[in-house]
């Protein structure tokens, strides 16, 4: 049965006439155009039961209003319903018929006013745009129940447009949030090649990019495409690596895509659909269940319309025997024919019962778009009610409306913009400044019930009026995934980067395709898919997994470690040896050897060597403010005293043995002179140390430069000049000692202390000359260890060079400890 878009399919006269444009047929004939013949009339076929239900819902709402005593009480409402065939060209014919009221719009029979006051429709965005481009000239208001293109919210281009379904601007953003919520960062996309699909997908891709989601491919199809083109699109989907497919398709394109998907056995994809098809009951058959089970998508909330089912079941060709669309509907539903019986064909009687049929027309369990039609009719009624100054409240039952012969479209638009009412179901109806309703969606999931049938189960919601982080709510535990698996599909271009790694973009690939690079030492990432590694604070370092910052190891030379313990032991051993030698010297203090060695300077030298051994202990342990100042000043003062004693001893030897007349009146070095020289040389060093401590004292310092993975706790010199001045002064004293001792090396053999002093100074200078490069280049606690080693080595060198020969004579060869032997005379 064929229908023509040139004439209204369903009509009723009334004071107020509402036009309707629905895609009652889903297939349009292809005309052959010729310059020599009149173009053929467009014909539509294949009745769409869902769209026919929309049209009947409009009639039901009109009848309710006509029977109401409170809404437009003395005004009758009529309707004219045209078939837009889901295409732009029939929609143009339909809107011309609605405006002019004539069957053939090309004839010169145009009236001065539109035959309808308001138009409801169409079901597609492209068809609605075509209608608006014509209606806009006359400012006839249009209310769409199903046109969702975000472009229609432009009040500048479409000032008289309203709709009872939210804009795709919100649906596209909701879809982007949904795929991000499930971690699907790599998706495929297919869309209708019209205003609905192109605008909706463009908004989705933009929103998805903001959410960090990438689109592997975006294909467009049209219901007029060749089978080869549709097959190519399916092949692109099949060959893609994305396991989630965003289908922003109108029902016509969805039908042909699914047919080709069945031919190529396309399964295993998680479908995410737009509101156009996600609740289309004709797709829930077993034919498509293997492909679409587990699908997710947003749709407007379902509603209940009291009395609608009973009204729908009363539809019968007998209501208007001349109406071809009613006969076609009956023949489609019952699979019969009103024509003369043909072989194998059932004759329609008209007495068949719709109660026995379950199809998209009789199914009122998912009233979503039908409710939009219902709201649109009531919005028109309330606007007209206010325009005609009818009763302003339900109590004014007897107050009639003031009829006006000519209702200006501008005033109708204004009153539509201002409507704000509540339906019997409790739903509030109003339009924002762009003519849009509030954007609230229900997230539905295709699941099987116990009987094996596909049902739509609400598993979440989206409310654009809430704060951004609270808009999407998902009950994930109730979701059935593709192939009825309880495992959520994974759709990513690259595997997730675990903590301790960061994403690195791959050249020429989208941002969702990346490689995982381990964080460098000292950096961490503590979450999956980190874009960057975070630098740890200065006093922290990354752990082995590079996922957490942990406090750095604090390093210093401690008594508890092996090296620190050994150095401390050698220090105490040297101090003990020095004390032991002091006891030996005190025991033999009246012997010629001890007297010849200048016992006072010897005891003072032993005391200074004890201090030199013990001062190395101040370098071990955790540096503090006092230990840092003590270690360098103690070191400088101890060695200055030691070098002063050796220098005084050397001067004494030189003066004693270089006298011109030693046999007679050899002048003895004054003890006061020795004390003065020792005190003077030592005080000068103390003065340098005091100045150092006053102006730039050493202090504890956390060194993070030499070793990034640990903190070296050391003593900062404060003033390097002070340190090198102290060390340089000790070097000057040792050099003077060496020169004087070297000049005295040929004194009598039996007692040549200058020779031992020369040797000790050679050891001392060699140790400290070697110390300088080792000190500068040693890292961390080894710097302190080198300094302690230099102190102990030079101290042991002085001790053994000067006192070992004397102790040998005192303890092992006492027969040499005589005055004659000291003077070099034989018996």
Foldseek 3Di string as FASTA:
>chain_A
DKDAQLFFQDKDDWLAEEEEEELQAQAKDDWDDDPVDDTDGIIGDDGDLLRVLLVLLLVVLLVVQCPDLQFQNPTHYMYTYGHCNPDQVSLLSNLLCQQQVDSDSVDPRRDPGGPHQEYEDDQEQQSVVSSQVVVVVQLRAYEYLHYAQPVLLPCVSRVRYFYAAYHLLQQLLVVLVVCLVLVFQEEEEEFEPGRQTVRSVVSNCVNNVVSNHHYPYYYYDYLPDDLVNLLVVLVVVVPDQFQEYEYSYAPSVVVSNQVSCLVVVDARHAYEYEQRPPPAQVCQDPSCCLHHAQHKYKAAQFDDDPPSLVSLQPQFCVVPVVRPVSQVVVCVQVVAHCDDDDPPGHHDDRPDTCVVGDDSNNDRPGHGSSVRSSVVSVLLSQLVCVVQVADPDSVSSPGHGNDDSDDRSVSSSVSSQVDWDADPRGDIDHADPSNYDFHKIFMWTFHADPVRTTDTDGFWIAGPVDPPVPRTDGNLCPGQHNVRDNDHDHGFQDDKAAKQWEWDDDPPDDSRHTDTHGDDKQWIDQGIHHHDTHGDPQQWIADPSRNDTDGFAEDAAACPDDLNVVLLVLLVVQLVVLVVLLVLCVVVVVFQLCVVQVVVLSNQLSVLLSLLSVLLNLRHDFDAFVSQLSSLLSNLLSLQLNLLSLLLSLVQVCLQQVDPCNVPDRDHDDPVVSVVSSVVSSVVLNVLSVVQCVPFQWGWDFDCDLPVRHTFTHIDRRDVVSSVVSVVSSVVSLVSLLVSLVVQQPGDPLDNLSVLSNQLSVQLVVLVVVLVVQLVPDDGNVNSSSVSVSSSRSSVSNCCSRRVVVVCCSPPVVVCRHPCSVVVHDD
